[in-house]
Amino acid sequence: MKPLIPPTIIVRMEKGEADKTEFRFTDSFQIGRGRKSEIRIKDDIVSRPHAEIRFEEGKWWLHDLNSTNGIFVDGKKVDQIPLANNTRIIIGQFGPVLSFSIEDADQTDKTRVVRRSIEQYTDRYFGNPDEDLPWPNPELIREWWVKNKGQFRNGTRYLLGKPISPEQCQHVLRYGYQRQRAVAAIELAILNPARPIFKIRDPGFRQQKLLGLK
């Protein structure tokens, strides 16, 4: 019998402060204030280990870990509940709000195939792309960030200073350096899993044709 593979569960921060606004998991994870939590929420109302989400008997389940302020769903305190699309929880009665959605199995399989393809592509063409690069200077990075952080939105991913989009990836594939083009090819495959990954080491005429430059 084929083992049941958990579908991807997506967690979005609707209210509250965490490292990101969206998280994706295919394995058990914890929500809490402590460093060991995969979703770490910076709010004193949240216990260090507050809740754990596990895949059990074909469903994702949320379990309260004896937290101080509890978990509420539709105004009721819960100790454990099965999670479904658009389940919304509140940590404490007026604390951070998280919502859950579950990717269908076919989409999860496609995502896994794309990730494997990307890993094989990177290993084949680049090995470790950072191996020969110098270590960054933390002080210079800190100074740059202080000057430029206002240009970036929390929860948005960027490529060469602009939000990642099909248009930005195409632009980098056309005009970027080879290392930058490798990243753009990977990001484009993530955005559109149905398309083959762009091969940046194909003959130039073939790449130009695919990019509409010839």
C-alpha atoms as a PDB file:
ATOM      1  CA  MET A   1       0.000   0.000   0.000  1.00  0.00           C
ATOM      2  CA  LYS A   2       1.356   3.391  -0.993  1.00  0.00           C
ATOM      3  CA  PRO A   3       2.122   5.538   2.087  1.00  0.00           C
ATOM      4  CA  LEU A   4      -0.035   8.641   2.505  1.00  0.00           C
ATOM      5  CA  ILE A   5       2.031  11.730   1.726  1.00  0.00           C
ATOM      6  CA  PRO A   6       0.877  14.859   3.559  1.00  0.00           C
ATOM      7  CA  PRO A   7      -0.384  17.625   1.277  1.00  0.00           C
ATOM      8  CA  THR A   8       1.309  20.977   1.697  1.00  0.00           C
ATOM      9  CA  ILE A   9      -0.274  23.112   4.399  1.00  0.00           C
ATOM     10  CA  ILE A  10       0.018  26.881   3.987  1.00  0.00           C
ATOM     11  CA  VAL A  11      -0.061  29.174   7.035  1.00  0.00           C
ATOM     12  CA  ARG A  12      -0.620  32.906   6.674  1.00  0.00           C
ATOM     13  CA  MET A  13      -0.110  35.541   9.361  1.00  0.00           C
ATOM     14  CA  GLU A  14      -3.181  37.767   9.195  1.00  0.00           C
ATOM     15  CA  LYS A  15      -2.376  39.646  12.383  1.00  0.00           C
ATOM     16  CA  GLY A  16       0.836  39.629  14.384  1.00  0.00           C
ATOM     17  CA  GLU A  17       4.578  39.777  13.776  1.00  0.00           C
ATOM     18  CA  ALA A  18       6.643  36.811  12.582  1.00  0.00           C
ATOM     19  CA  ASP A  19       9.694  36.304  10.362  1.00  0.00           C
ATOM     20  CA  LYS A  20       7.438  35.908   7.305  1.00  0.00           C
ATOM     21  CA  THR A  21       3.786  36.381   6.423  1.00  0.00           C
ATOM     22  CA  GLU A  22       3.406  32.987   4.727  1.00  0.00           C
ATOM     23  CA  PHE A  23       4.784  29.550   5.584  1.00  0.00           C
ATOM     24  CA  ARG A  24       4.529  26.187   3.797  1.00  0.00           C
ATOM     25  CA  PHE A  25       5.001  22.777   5.444  1.00  0.00           C
ATOM     26  CA  THR A  26       4.809  19.093   4.544  1.00  0.00           C
ATOM     27  CA  ASP A  27       5.868  17.886   7.990  1.00  0.00           C
ATOM     28  CA  SER A  28       4.943  18.588  11.633  1.00  0.00           C
ATOM     29  CA  PHE A  29       5.773  22.065  12.951  1.00  0.00           C
ATOM     30  CA  GLN A  30       5.293  24.240  16.022  1.00  0.00           C
ATOM     31  CA  ILE A  31       3.907  27.718  16.561  1.00  0.00           C
ATOM     32  CA  GLY A  32       5.255  29.706  19.489  1.00  0.00           C
ATOM     33  CA  ARG A  33       7.406  32.498  20.824  1.00  0.00           C
ATOM     34  CA  GLY A  34      10.493  30.359  21.437  1.00  0.00           C
ATOM     35  CA  ARG A  35      13.454  29.911  19.125  1.00  0.00           C
ATOM     36  CA  LYS A  36      12.614  26.259  18.423  1.00  0.00           C
ATOM     37  CA  SER A  37       9.259  27.114  16.841  1.00  0.00           C
ATOM     38  CA  GLU A  38       9.116  26.946  13.052  1.00  0.00           C
ATOM     39  CA  ILE A  39       6.590  29.807  13.139  1.00  0.00           C
ATOM     40  CA  ARG A  40       8.011  32.172  15.723  1.00  0.00           C
ATOM     41  CA  ILE A  41       5.603  34.941  16.723  1.00  0.00           C
ATOM     42  CA  LYS A  42       6.938  37.983  18.544  1.00  0.00           C
ATOM     43  CA  ASP A  43       4.166  38.567  21.049  1.00  0.00           C
ATOM     44  CA  ASP A  44       4.124  38.003  24.815  1.00  0.00           C
ATOM     45  CA  ILE A  45       0.609  36.560  24.608  1.00  0.00           C
ATOM     46  CA  VAL A  46       2.116  33.593  22.755  1.00  0.00           C
ATOM     47  CA  SER A  47       3.665  30.801  24.843  1.00  0.00           C
ATOM     48  CA  ARG A  48       7.154  29.608  23.936  1.00  0.00           C
ATOM     49  CA  PRO A  49       5.752  26.332  22.586  1.00  0.00           C
ATOM     50  CA  HIS A  50       2.118  27.282  21.979  1.00  0.00           C
ATOM     51  CA  ALA A  51       0.767  24.800  19.435  1.00  0.00           C
ATOM     52  CA  GLU A  52       1.854  21.940  17.221  1.00  0.00           C
ATOM     53  CA  ILE A  53       0.425  20.960  13.852  1.00  0.00           C
ATOM     54  CA  ARG A  54       0.727  17.288  12.889  1.00  0.00           C
ATOM     55  CA  PHE A  55      -0.543  15.147  10.011  1.00  0.00           C
ATOM     56  CA  GLU A  56      -2.581  12.328  11.531  1.00  0.00           C
ATOM     57  CA  GLU A  57      -5.026   9.839   9.986  1.00  0.00           C
ATOM     58  CA  GLY A  58      -5.102  11.654   6.676  1.00  0.00           C
ATOM     59  CA  LYS A  59      -5.670  15.137   8.105  1.00  0.00           C
ATOM     60  CA  TRP A  60      -3.693  18.064   9.480  1.00  0.00           C
ATOM     61  CA  TRP A  61      -4.473  18.558  13.182  1.00  0.00           C
ATOM     62  CA  LEU A  62      -3.720  21.490  15.467  1.00  0.00           C
ATOM     63  CA  HIS A  63      -2.864  20.642  19.096  1.00  0.00           C
ATOM     64  CA  ASP A  64      -2.602  23.186  21.909  1.00  0.00           C
ATOM     65  CA  LEU A  65       0.585  22.527  23.932  1.00  0.00           C
ATOM     66  CA  ASN A  66      -0.853  23.570  27.315  1.00  0.00           C
ATOM     67  CA  SER A  67      -0.394  27.218  26.398  1.00  0.00           C
ATOM     68  CA  THR A  68      -1.158  30.013  28.847  1.00  0.00           C
ATOM     69  CA  ASN A  69      -3.665  31.939  26.731  1.00  0.00           C
ATOM     70  CA  GLY A  70      -5.089  29.172  24.573  1.00  0.00           C
ATOM     71  CA  ILE A  71      -6.327  29.000  20.991  1.00  0.00           C
ATOM     72  CA  PHE A  72      -9.717  30.220  19.784  1.00  0.00           C
ATOM     73  CA  VAL A  73     -11.700  29.247  16.704  1.00  0.00           C
ATOM     74  CA  ASP A  74     -14.993  31.035  15.981  1.00  0.00           C
ATOM     75  CA  GLY A  75     -14.925  32.475  19.507  1.00  0.00           C
ATOM     76  CA  LYS A  76     -14.516  29.091  21.221  1.00  0.00           C
ATOM     77  CA  LYS A  77     -11.414  27.840  22.994  1.00  0.00           C
ATOM     78  CA  VAL A  78     -10.097  24.590  21.513  1.00  0.00           C
ATOM     79  CA  ASP A  79      -7.480  22.062  22.578  1.00  0.00           C
ATOM     80  CA  GLN A  80      -7.268  20.319  19.227  1.00  0.00           C
ATOM     81  CA  ILE A  81      -9.039  20.598  15.884  1.00  0.00           C
ATOM     82  CA  PRO A  82      -8.666  19.220  12.351  1.00  0.00           C
ATOM     83  CA  LEU A  83      -7.550  21.935   9.950  1.00  0.00           C
ATOM     84  CA  ALA A  84      -9.292  22.611   6.661  1.00  0.00           C
ATOM     85  CA  ASN A  85      -9.131  25.307   4.012  1.00  0.00           C
ATOM     86  CA  ASN A  86      -9.745  28.760   5.475  1.00  0.00           C
ATOM     87  CA  THR A  87      -9.537  27.621   9.111  1.00  0.00           C
ATOM     88  CA  ARG A  88      -8.749  30.722  11.158  1.00  0.00           C
ATOM     89  CA  ILE A  89      -7.302  30.666  14.669  1.00  0.00           C
ATOM     90  CA  ILE A  90      -6.680  33.387  17.235  1.00  0.00           C
ATOM     91  CA  ILE A  91      -3.941  32.986  19.813  1.00  0.00           C
ATOM     92  CA  GLY A  92      -5.498  34.280  23.003  1.00  0.00           C
ATOM     93  CA  GLN A  93      -8.834  36.008  22.608  1.00  0.00           C
ATOM     94  CA  PHE A  94      -7.366  39.151  21.034  1.00  0.00           C
ATOM     95  CA  GLY A  95      -3.893  38.056  19.924  1.00  0.00           C
ATOM     96  CA  PRO A  96      -2.237  37.080  16.635  1.00  0.00           C
ATOM     97  CA  VAL A  97      -4.430  35.612  13.896  1.00  0.00           C
ATOM     98  CA  LEU A  98      -3.360  32.810  11.560  1.00  0.00           C
ATOM     99  CA  SER A  99      -5.215  31.176   8.681  1.00  0.00           C
ATOM    100  CA  PHE A 100      -4.619  27.785   7.108  1.00  0.00           C
ATOM    101  CA  SER A 101      -5.143  26.387   3.633  1.00  0.00           C
ATOM    102  CA  ILE A 102      -4.275  22.957   2.295  1.00  0.00           C
ATOM    103  CA  GLU A 103      -2.885  22.400  -1.168  1.00  0.00           C
ATOM    104  CA  ASP A 104      -4.478  19.625  -3.188  1.00  0.00           C
ATOM    105  CA  ALA A 105      -2.375  16.484  -3.608  1.00  0.00           C
ATOM    106  CA  ASP A 106      -1.768  16.973  -7.356  1.00  0.00           C
ATOM    107  CA  GLN A 107      -0.351  20.453  -6.818  1.00  0.00           C
ATOM    108  CA  THR A 108       1.856  19.200  -3.972  1.00  0.00           C
ATOM    109  CA  ASP A 109       3.252  16.480  -6.253  1.00  0.00           C
ATOM    110  CA  LYS A 110       3.954  19.049  -9.000  1.00  0.00           C
ATOM    111  CA  THR A 111       5.748  21.288  -6.509  1.00  0.00           C
ATOM    112  CA  ARG A 112       7.936  18.386  -5.349  1.00  0.00           C
ATOM    113  CA  VAL A 113       8.833  17.519  -8.965  1.00  0.00           C
ATOM    114  CA  VAL A 114       9.805  21.134  -9.651  1.00  0.00           C
ATOM    115  CA  ARG A 115      11.976  21.277  -6.534  1.00  0.00           C
ATOM    116  CA  ARG A 116      13.770  18.048  -7.506  1.00  0.00           C
ATOM    117  CA  SER A 117      14.331  19.415 -11.019  1.00  0.00           C
ATOM    118  CA  ILE A 118      15.731  22.640  -9.617  1.00  0.00           C
ATOM    119  CA  GLU A 119      18.129  20.784  -7.319  1.00  0.00           C
ATOM    120  CA  GLN A 120      19.351  18.596 -10.190  1.00  0.00           C
ATOM    121  CA  TYR A 121      19.689  21.642 -12.452  1.00  0.00           C
ATOM    122  CA  THR A 122      21.728  23.561  -9.868  1.00  0.00           C
ATOM    123  CA  ASP A 123      23.992  20.605  -9.091  1.00  0.00           C
ATOM    124  CA  ARG A 124      24.604  19.877 -12.757  1.00  0.00           C
ATOM    125  CA  TYR A 125      25.418  23.364 -13.945  1.00  0.00           C
ATOM    126  CA  PHE A 126      26.827  25.117 -10.908  1.00  0.00           C
ATOM    127  CA  GLY A 127      27.770  22.752  -8.073  1.00  0.00           C
ATOM    128  CA  ASN A 128      27.985  25.148  -5.144  1.00  0.00           C
ATOM    129  CA  PRO A 129      27.520  28.606  -6.741  1.00  0.00           C
ATOM    130  CA  ASP A 130      28.834  30.401  -3.641  1.00  0.00           C
ATOM    131  CA  GLU A 131      31.997  28.349  -3.232  1.00  0.00           C
ATOM    132  CA  ASP A 132      34.402  30.887  -4.735  1.00  0.00           C
ATOM    133  CA  LEU A 133      32.700  34.052  -3.488  1.00  0.00           C
ATOM    134  CA  PRO A 134      34.220  36.227  -0.732  1.00  0.00           C
ATOM    135  CA  TRP A 135      32.473  36.398   2.633  1.00  0.00           C
ATOM    136  CA  PRO A 136      30.199  39.458   2.908  1.00  0.00           C
ATOM    137  CA  ASN A 137      31.144  42.329   5.191  1.00  0.00           C
ATOM    138  CA  PRO A 138      28.418  42.492   7.910  1.00  0.00           C
ATOM    139  CA  GLU A 139      29.078  46.168   8.652  1.00  0.00           C
ATOM    140  CA  LEU A 140      28.683  47.236   5.024  1.00  0.00           C
ATOM    141  CA  ILE A 141      25.516  45.150   4.723  1.00  0.00           C
ATOM    142  CA  ARG A 142      24.118  46.777   7.870  1.00  0.00           C
ATOM    143  CA  GLU A 143      24.865  50.282   6.551  1.00  0.00           C
ATOM    144  CA  TRP A 144      23.272  49.469   3.194  1.00  0.00           C
ATOM    145  CA  TRP A 145      20.151  48.074   4.875  1.00  0.00           C
ATOM    146  CA  VAL A 146      19.680  51.136   7.084  1.00  0.00           C
ATOM    147  CA  LYS A 147      19.710  53.319   3.955  1.00  0.00           C
ATOM    148  CA  ASN A 148      17.520  51.116   1.765  1.00  0.00           C
ATOM    149  CA  LYS A 149      15.138  49.105   3.964  1.00  0.00           C
ATOM    150  CA  GLY A 150      12.284  51.514   3.251  1.00  0.00           C
ATOM    151  CA  GLN A 151      12.206  50.265  -0.350  1.00  0.00           C
ATOM    152  CA  PHE A 152      11.285  46.703   0.660  1.00  0.00           C
ATOM    153  CA  ARG A 153       7.996  45.251   1.947  1.00  0.00           C
ATOM    154  CA  ASN A 154       7.910  42.580   4.610  1.00  0.00           C
ATOM    155  CA  GLY A 155       6.869  39.189   3.196  1.00  0.00           C
ATOM    156  CA  THR A 156       7.789  40.053  -0.414  1.00  0.00           C
ATOM    157  CA  ARG A 157      10.652  38.237  -2.163  1.00  0.00           C
ATOM    158  CA  TYR A 158      12.989  40.233  -4.394  1.00  0.00           C
ATOM    159  CA  LEU A 159      15.370  39.598  -7.286  1.00  0.00           C
ATOM    160  CA  LEU A 160      17.926  42.314  -8.061  1.00  0.00           C
ATOM    161  CA  GLY A 161      15.984  44.827  -5.994  1.00  0.00           C
ATOM    162  CA  LYS A 162      12.562  44.238  -7.553  1.00  0.00           C
ATOM    163  CA  PRO A 163       9.669  41.960  -6.510  1.00  0.00           C
ATOM    164  CA  ILE A 164       9.930  38.517  -8.088  1.00  0.00           C
ATOM    165  CA  SER A 165       7.520  38.204 -11.013  1.00  0.00           C
ATOM    166  CA  PRO A 166       7.550  36.507 -14.436  1.00  0.00           C
ATOM    167  CA  GLU A 167       8.411  39.867 -16.007  1.00  0.00           C
ATOM    168  CA  GLN A 168      11.360  40.469 -13.667  1.00  0.00           C
ATOM    169  CA  CYS A 169      12.673  36.934 -14.215  1.00  0.00           C
ATOM    170  CA  GLN A 170      12.461  37.395 -17.994  1.00  0.00           C
ATOM    171  CA  HIS A 171      14.300  40.718 -17.703  1.00  0.00           C
ATOM    172  CA  VAL A 172      17.129  39.123 -15.700  1.00  0.00           C
ATOM    173  CA  LEU A 173      17.353  36.215 -18.150  1.00  0.00           C
ATOM    174  CA  ARG A 174      17.778  38.725 -20.961  1.00  0.00           C
ATOM    175  CA  TYR A 175      20.204  41.177 -19.373  1.00  0.00           C
ATOM    176  CA  GLY A 176      21.632  39.681 -16.163  1.00  0.00           C
ATOM    177  CA  TYR A 177      24.962  38.052 -15.419  1.00  0.00           C
ATOM    178  CA  GLN A 178      25.124  34.265 -15.533  1.00  0.00           C
ATOM    179  CA  ARG A 179      24.760  33.777 -11.755  1.00  0.00           C
ATOM    180  CA  GLN A 180      21.780  36.132 -11.739  1.00  0.00           C
ATOM    181  CA  ARG A 181      20.261  34.334 -14.737  1.00  0.00           C
ATOM    182  CA  ALA A 182      20.551  30.996 -12.904  1.00  0.00           C
ATOM    183  CA  VAL A 183      18.472  32.381 -10.029  1.00  0.00           C
ATOM    184  CA  ALA A 184      15.948  33.891 -12.462  1.00  0.00           C
ATOM    185  CA  ALA A 185      15.545  30.518 -14.219  1.00  0.00           C
ATOM    186  CA  ILE A 186      14.832  28.799 -10.900  1.00  0.00           C
ATOM    187  CA  GLU A 187      12.364  31.477  -9.753  1.00  0.00           C
ATOM    188  CA  LEU A 188      10.547  31.310 -13.086  1.00  0.00           C
ATOM    189  CA  ALA A 189      10.169  27.531 -12.705  1.00  0.00           C
ATOM    190  CA  ILE A 190       8.725  28.014  -9.211  1.00  0.00           C
ATOM    191  CA  LEU A 191       6.228  30.587 -10.520  1.00  0.00           C
ATOM    192  CA  ASN A 192       5.177  28.332 -13.394  1.00  0.00           C
ATOM    193  CA  PRO A 193       5.747  24.636 -12.545  1.00  0.00           C
ATOM    194  CA  ALA A 194       4.126  23.503 -15.795  1.00  0.00           C
ATOM    195  CA  ARG A 195       6.938  24.974 -17.922  1.00  0.00           C
ATOM    196  CA  PRO A 196      10.379  23.345 -18.330  1.00  0.00           C
ATOM    197  CA  ILE A 197      13.187  25.124 -16.522  1.00  0.00           C
ATOM    198  CA  PHE A 198      15.074  27.600 -18.726  1.00  0.00           C
ATOM    199  CA  LYS A 199      18.531  26.212 -19.571  1.00  0.00           C
ATOM    200  CA  ILE A 200      20.984  29.079 -19.314  1.00  0.00           C
ATOM    201  CA  ARG A 201      23.822  27.027 -20.833  1.00  0.00           C
ATOM    202  CA  ASP A 202      21.996  26.128 -24.021  1.00  0.00           C
ATOM    203  CA  PRO A 203      23.433  27.573 -27.264  1.00  0.00           C
ATOM    204  CA  GLY A 204      22.956  31.337 -27.449  1.00  0.00           C
ATOM    205  CA  PHE A 205      20.720  31.258 -30.530  1.00  0.00           C
ATOM    206  CA  ARG A 206      18.312  28.891 -28.759  1.00  0.00           C
ATOM    207  CA  GLN A 207      18.134  31.065 -25.657  1.00  0.00           C
ATOM    208  CA  GLN A 208      17.589  34.200 -27.748  1.00  0.00           C
ATOM    209  CA  LYS A 209      14.702  32.524 -29.545  1.00  0.00           C
ATOM    210  CA  LEU A 210      13.053  31.473 -26.271  1.00  0.00           C
ATOM    211  CA  LEU A 211      13.481  34.990 -24.884  1.00  0.00           C
ATOM    212  CA  GLY A 212      12.098  36.653 -28.004  1.00  0.00           C
ATOM    213  CA  LEU A 213      15.388  38.328 -28.868  1.00  0.00           C
ATOM    214  CA  LYS A 214      15.761  36.738 -32.290  1.00  0.00           C
END
